[in-house]
Amino acid sequence: MAGRGRVEAEDRVPHPRVLMFTKAQEWAAAVDPLHFDKRSAAVGLGSTFARITADANPDVTIGLIPAAVSGTPLERWRKGGDLYEQAVVRARAAMKDGTLKGILWHQGESDTGDRTLALTYGSRLGGMVRDLRAELGAGDVPFLAGLLGDFIGETGSMDGESPAWPEKPVYWSAVNDQIAGLPAHVLHSAVVSANGLTAFDGVHFDAPSLREFGRRYAAALGELNR
C-alpha cells in the first residue's frame, strides 16, 4: 500500500538510521511520501514502522524498498505479473547493500468485488510469498500482511483514481478471512489487525491510522523475531 494519508510536519523529519530506496534506485533519507506510484502518494505505514524498528535495534540501519502501486489486483503481484517482476528487480538492487529482513504487504481491495478471487485470495497470496522468497534467496524471511479496513464494507463507490477498485466490494470480509488464515500455510508470517482504523474518504486510511498501522506492523515483526 502506497498510502494516501495527509503529509504533516512530523512525516518530513528523517530518522538518522532509516533510508528509502528511491525510484532511481538510490538510497536517501526516508521521508513521506516513500512511494512514487502516483502524484497523490503521501503518508503510508512504512515510515512509522521503520522508525520504531530502528529504535528497537540501535545497531542497525533500516532500508525501506517501496514497491506498492495503488488500486492493483493480486494477479499483477504474482510471479510473471508486471508488478511482481518490478518488485524483484528493485529488491535485488537494494539487497546489494544489505540483507532482506522482512516484507510488508497490504493489498486486497481490488479483489473484493469477485467471489472467486476473494475465496482464492489466501492460496494465491501464499503462492506469491513462496515464489518471492525463493526468487530473492530469502529463506523464510518474515512476511507481514495487514487486514483490510472495515470501512471498505460501507462504500460502494469508485475511489476516483483506481479503475481496478470494484464498484461493490461485497466480498471484502472473505478477503480478510483469507488473509487471517495466512499463518496456517505460510511459515514465518503474521497478520496485522486494522481494527479501529479509519478512512478520510471511505476508501483510503487517514494519516493517524496509517501511523498506528505502522506501529502494529512493527510490533508484529518483533513478535515473529522473538
Protein backbone atom coordinates (compact mmCIF):
# COMPACT_ATOMS: atom_id res chain seq x y z
CA MET A 1 0.00 0.00 0.00
CA ALA A 2 1.43 3.33 -1.08
CA GLY A 3 -0.64 5.37 1.37
CA ARG A 4 -2.70 8.48 0.85
CA GLY A 5 -2.65 10.00 4.34
CA ARG A 6 -2.08 13.73 4.59
CA VAL A 7 1.60 14.61 5.00
CA GLU A 8 2.29 16.67 8.13
CA ALA A 9 5.43 18.17 9.65
CA GLU A 10 6.29 15.04 11.64
CA ASP A 11 6.32 12.99 8.43
CA ARG A 12 9.05 15.16 6.93
CA VAL A 13 11.56 14.67 9.76
CA PRO A 14 14.05 11.92 8.82
CA HIS A 15 15.33 9.33 11.26
CA PRO A 16 19.16 9.13 11.19
CA ARG A 17 19.06 5.35 10.61
CA VAL A 18 16.10 4.98 8.26
CA LEU A 19 16.65 5.14 4.49
CA MET A 20 14.44 4.62 1.45
CA PHE A 21 15.30 3.17 -1.95
CA THR A 22 14.24 5.81 -4.46
CA LYS A 23 12.68 5.45 -7.90
CA ALA A 24 16.20 5.97 -9.30
CA GLN A 25 17.42 3.06 -7.13
CA GLU A 26 19.47 5.24 -4.82
CA TRP A 27 19.41 5.41 -1.03
CA ALA A 28 18.09 8.60 0.56
CA ALA A 29 16.76 9.73 3.93
CA ALA A 30 13.27 8.27 4.36
CA VAL A 31 10.54 10.90 4.50
CA ASP A 32 6.98 10.71 3.25
CA PRO A 33 5.91 10.11 0.63
CA LEU A 34 8.01 6.98 0.31
CA HIS A 35 6.20 5.82 -2.81
CA PHE A 36 6.11 7.28 -6.28
CA ASP A 37 3.29 5.37 -7.98
CA LYS A 38 1.08 8.46 -8.36
CA ARG A 39 1.18 12.15 -7.60
CA SER A 40 -1.26 11.54 -4.76
CA ALA A 41 1.21 9.32 -2.90
CA ALA A 42 1.50 10.61 0.66
CA VAL A 43 1.75 9.13 4.17
CA GLY A 44 1.86 5.35 4.39
CA LEU A 45 2.65 2.90 7.16
CA GLY A 46 6.30 2.33 6.23
CA SER A 47 7.89 5.35 7.88
CA THR A 48 6.43 4.73 11.33
CA PHE A 49 7.20 1.03 11.05
CA ALA A 50 10.83 1.74 10.18
CA ARG A 51 11.38 4.35 12.89
CA ILE A 52 10.06 2.06 15.61
CA THR A 53 12.07 -0.87 14.29
CA ALA A 54 15.24 1.26 14.14
CA ASP A 55 14.73 2.48 17.71
CA ALA A 56 14.34 -1.13 18.85
CA ASN A 57 17.57 -2.10 17.06
CA PRO A 58 20.07 0.72 17.73
CA ASP A 59 22.96 -1.01 15.96
CA VAL A 60 21.29 -1.30 12.53
CA THR A 61 20.13 0.94 9.71
CA ILE A 62 16.71 0.21 8.25
CA GLY A 63 16.35 0.43 4.48
CA LEU A 64 12.84 0.62 3.00
CA ILE A 65 12.24 -0.61 -0.56
CA PRO A 66 8.96 0.99 -1.71
CA ALA A 67 7.25 -1.04 -4.43
CA ALA A 68 3.49 -0.54 -3.95
CA VAL A 69 1.16 0.60 -6.71
CA SER A 70 -2.32 1.55 -5.54
CA GLY A 71 -5.53 0.11 -6.92
CA THR A 72 -3.96 -3.07 -8.30
CA PRO A 73 -5.17 -6.70 -8.15
CA LEU A 74 -3.19 -9.56 -6.69
CA GLU A 75 -2.76 -11.10 -10.15
CA ARG A 76 -0.28 -8.37 -11.08
CA TRP A 77 1.77 -9.23 -7.99
CA ARG A 78 2.08 -12.96 -8.68
CA LYS A 79 5.13 -14.42 -10.40
CA GLY A 80 5.12 -13.32 -14.03
CA GLY A 81 3.00 -10.27 -13.31
CA ASP A 82 4.45 -6.87 -14.14
CA LEU A 83 4.43 -5.54 -10.57
CA TYR A 84 5.93 -8.73 -9.15
CA GLU A 85 8.79 -8.53 -11.62
CA GLN A 86 9.36 -4.84 -10.90
CA ALA A 87 9.45 -5.53 -7.16
CA VAL A 88 12.01 -8.32 -7.66
CA VAL A 89 14.26 -6.01 -9.68
CA ARG A 90 14.11 -3.31 -7.01
CA ALA A 91 14.67 -5.76 -4.16
CA ARG A 92 17.68 -7.35 -5.83
CA ALA A 93 19.23 -3.96 -6.46
CA ALA A 94 18.69 -2.87 -2.86
CA MET A 95 19.99 -6.17 -1.47
CA LYS A 96 23.43 -5.36 -2.88
CA ASP A 97 23.78 -3.06 0.12
CA GLY A 98 22.11 -5.15 2.82
CA THR A 99 20.04 -8.16 3.85
CA LEU A 100 16.31 -8.53 3.31
CA LYS A 101 14.73 -8.75 6.77
CA GLY A 102 11.02 -8.55 6.07
CA ILE A 103 8.22 -8.00 3.56
CA LEU A 104 5.30 -5.71 4.39
CA TRP A 105 2.09 -6.43 2.47
CA HIS A 106 -1.21 -4.60 2.33
CA GLN A 107 -3.39 -5.30 -0.68
CA GLY A 108 -6.68 -6.98 -1.48
CA GLU A 109 -9.25 -4.27 -2.04
CA SER A 110 -9.19 -4.81 -5.79
CA ASP A 111 -10.06 -8.49 -5.30
CA THR A 112 -13.16 -7.84 -3.17
CA GLY A 113 -15.68 -7.50 -6.00
CA ASP A 114 -15.38 -11.05 -7.33
CA ARG A 115 -16.38 -14.10 -5.29
CA THR A 116 -13.86 -16.47 -6.87
CA LEU A 117 -10.98 -14.04 -6.44
CA ALA A 118 -11.97 -13.41 -2.83
CA LEU A 119 -12.25 -17.08 -1.89
CA THR A 120 -8.94 -17.99 -3.52
CA TYR A 121 -7.05 -14.97 -2.22
CA GLY A 122 -5.19 -16.84 0.51
CA SER A 123 -3.87 -19.63 -1.70
CA ARG A 124 -2.86 -17.18 -4.41
CA LEU A 125 -1.09 -14.90 -1.92
CA GLY A 126 0.63 -17.86 -0.29
CA GLY A 127 1.98 -18.93 -3.67
CA MET A 128 3.29 -15.44 -4.30
CA VAL A 129 5.08 -15.40 -0.95
CA ARG A 130 6.80 -18.70 -1.64
CA ASP A 131 7.84 -17.60 -5.14
CA LEU A 132 9.11 -14.24 -3.93
CA ARG A 133 11.14 -15.69 -1.08
CA ALA A 134 12.69 -18.30 -3.38
CA GLU A 135 13.49 -15.84 -6.15
CA LEU A 136 15.21 -13.49 -3.69
CA GLY A 137 17.01 -16.30 -1.87
CA ALA A 138 15.46 -15.00 1.34
CA GLY A 139 14.56 -18.27 3.06
CA ASP A 140 11.58 -17.79 5.38
CA VAL A 141 12.02 -14.02 5.70
CA PRO A 142 9.13 -12.55 7.76
CA PHE A 143 6.00 -11.73 5.76
CA LEU A 144 3.53 -9.33 7.38
CA ALA A 145 0.06 -8.94 5.88
CA GLY A 146 -2.39 -6.30 7.08
CA LEU A 147 -6.14 -6.80 7.11
CA LEU A 148 -8.44 -4.55 5.08
CA GLY A 149 -10.22 -1.75 6.93
CA ASP A 150 -13.79 -2.47 7.99
CA PHE A 151 -14.88 0.75 6.31
CA ILE A 152 -14.47 -0.94 2.91
CA GLY A 153 -17.72 -2.77 3.52
CA GLU A 154 -19.52 0.53 3.83
CA THR A 155 -18.52 2.02 0.49
CA GLY A 156 -19.84 1.21 -2.93
CA SER A 157 -18.16 3.95 -4.93
CA MET A 158 -15.03 4.10 -7.03
CA ASP A 159 -12.06 5.86 -5.47
CA GLY A 160 -11.72 8.21 -8.42
CA GLU A 161 -8.19 7.17 -9.36
CA SER A 162 -8.06 3.38 -9.38
CA PRO A 163 -10.28 1.77 -12.05
CA ALA A 164 -9.50 -1.67 -10.61
CA TRP A 165 -11.44 -0.85 -7.44
CA PRO A 166 -14.72 -2.83 -7.56
CA GLU A 167 -17.86 -0.77 -7.52
CA LYS A 168 -19.35 -3.12 -4.92
CA PRO A 169 -16.66 -4.67 -2.70
CA VAL A 170 -19.17 -7.15 -1.29
CA TYR A 171 -16.58 -9.87 -0.61
CA TRP A 172 -14.22 -7.74 1.49
CA SER A 173 -14.83 -9.86 4.61
CA ALA A 174 -13.99 -13.03 2.65
CA VAL A 175 -10.66 -11.49 1.61
CA ASN A 176 -9.99 -10.60 5.24
CA ASP A 177 -10.77 -14.17 6.28
CA GLN A 178 -8.28 -15.40 3.68
CA ILE A 179 -5.59 -13.01 4.94
CA ALA A 180 -6.29 -14.01 8.56
CA GLY A 181 -5.65 -17.66 7.68
CA LEU A 182 -2.28 -16.99 6.06
CA PRO A 183 -0.08 -18.12 9.02
CA ALA A 184 -1.65 -21.57 8.81
CA HIS A 185 0.04 -22.30 5.50
CA VAL A 186 2.84 -19.73 5.14
CA LEU A 187 5.75 -20.17 7.53
CA HIS A 188 7.02 -17.15 9.48
CA SER A 189 4.11 -14.92 8.53
CA ALA A 190 1.86 -12.74 10.65
CA VAL A 191 -1.41 -10.87 10.25
CA VAL A 192 -1.75 -7.24 11.33
CA SER A 193 -5.13 -6.04 12.57
CA ALA A 194 -6.82 -3.00 11.04
CA ASN A 195 -9.43 -2.90 13.80
CA GLY A 196 -10.49 0.64 14.66
CA LEU A 197 -8.58 2.29 11.84
CA THR A 198 -10.42 4.90 9.80
CA ALA A 199 -10.50 6.39 6.31
CA PHE A 200 -10.60 10.04 5.30
CA ASP A 201 -12.70 9.36 2.21
CA GLY A 202 -14.33 6.00 2.77
CA VAL A 203 -11.55 4.26 0.84
CA HIS A 204 -8.09 5.37 1.98
CA PHE A 205 -6.72 5.14 5.52
CA ASP A 206 -6.15 8.56 7.09
CA ALA A 207 -2.69 9.57 8.30
CA PRO A 208 -3.24 8.87 12.04
CA SER A 209 -4.50 5.39 11.18
CA LEU A 210 -1.51 4.73 8.94
CA ARG A 211 0.90 5.72 11.69
CA GLU A 212 -0.93 3.35 14.04
CA PHE A 213 -0.83 0.66 11.36
CA GLY A 214 2.93 1.15 11.14
CA ARG A 215 3.20 0.65 14.90
CA ARG A 216 1.20 -2.56 14.62
CA TYR A 217 3.39 -3.88 11.79
CA ALA A 218 6.49 -3.15 13.88
CA ALA A 219 5.00 -4.99 16.84
CA ALA A 220 4.13 -7.96 14.63
CA LEU A 221 7.68 -8.16 13.31
CA GLY A 222 9.03 -8.01 16.84
CA GLU A 223 6.82 -10.94 17.84
CA LEU A 224 7.91 -13.01 14.82
CA ASN A 225 11.56 -12.41 15.57
CA ARG A 226 11.41 -13.44 19.21
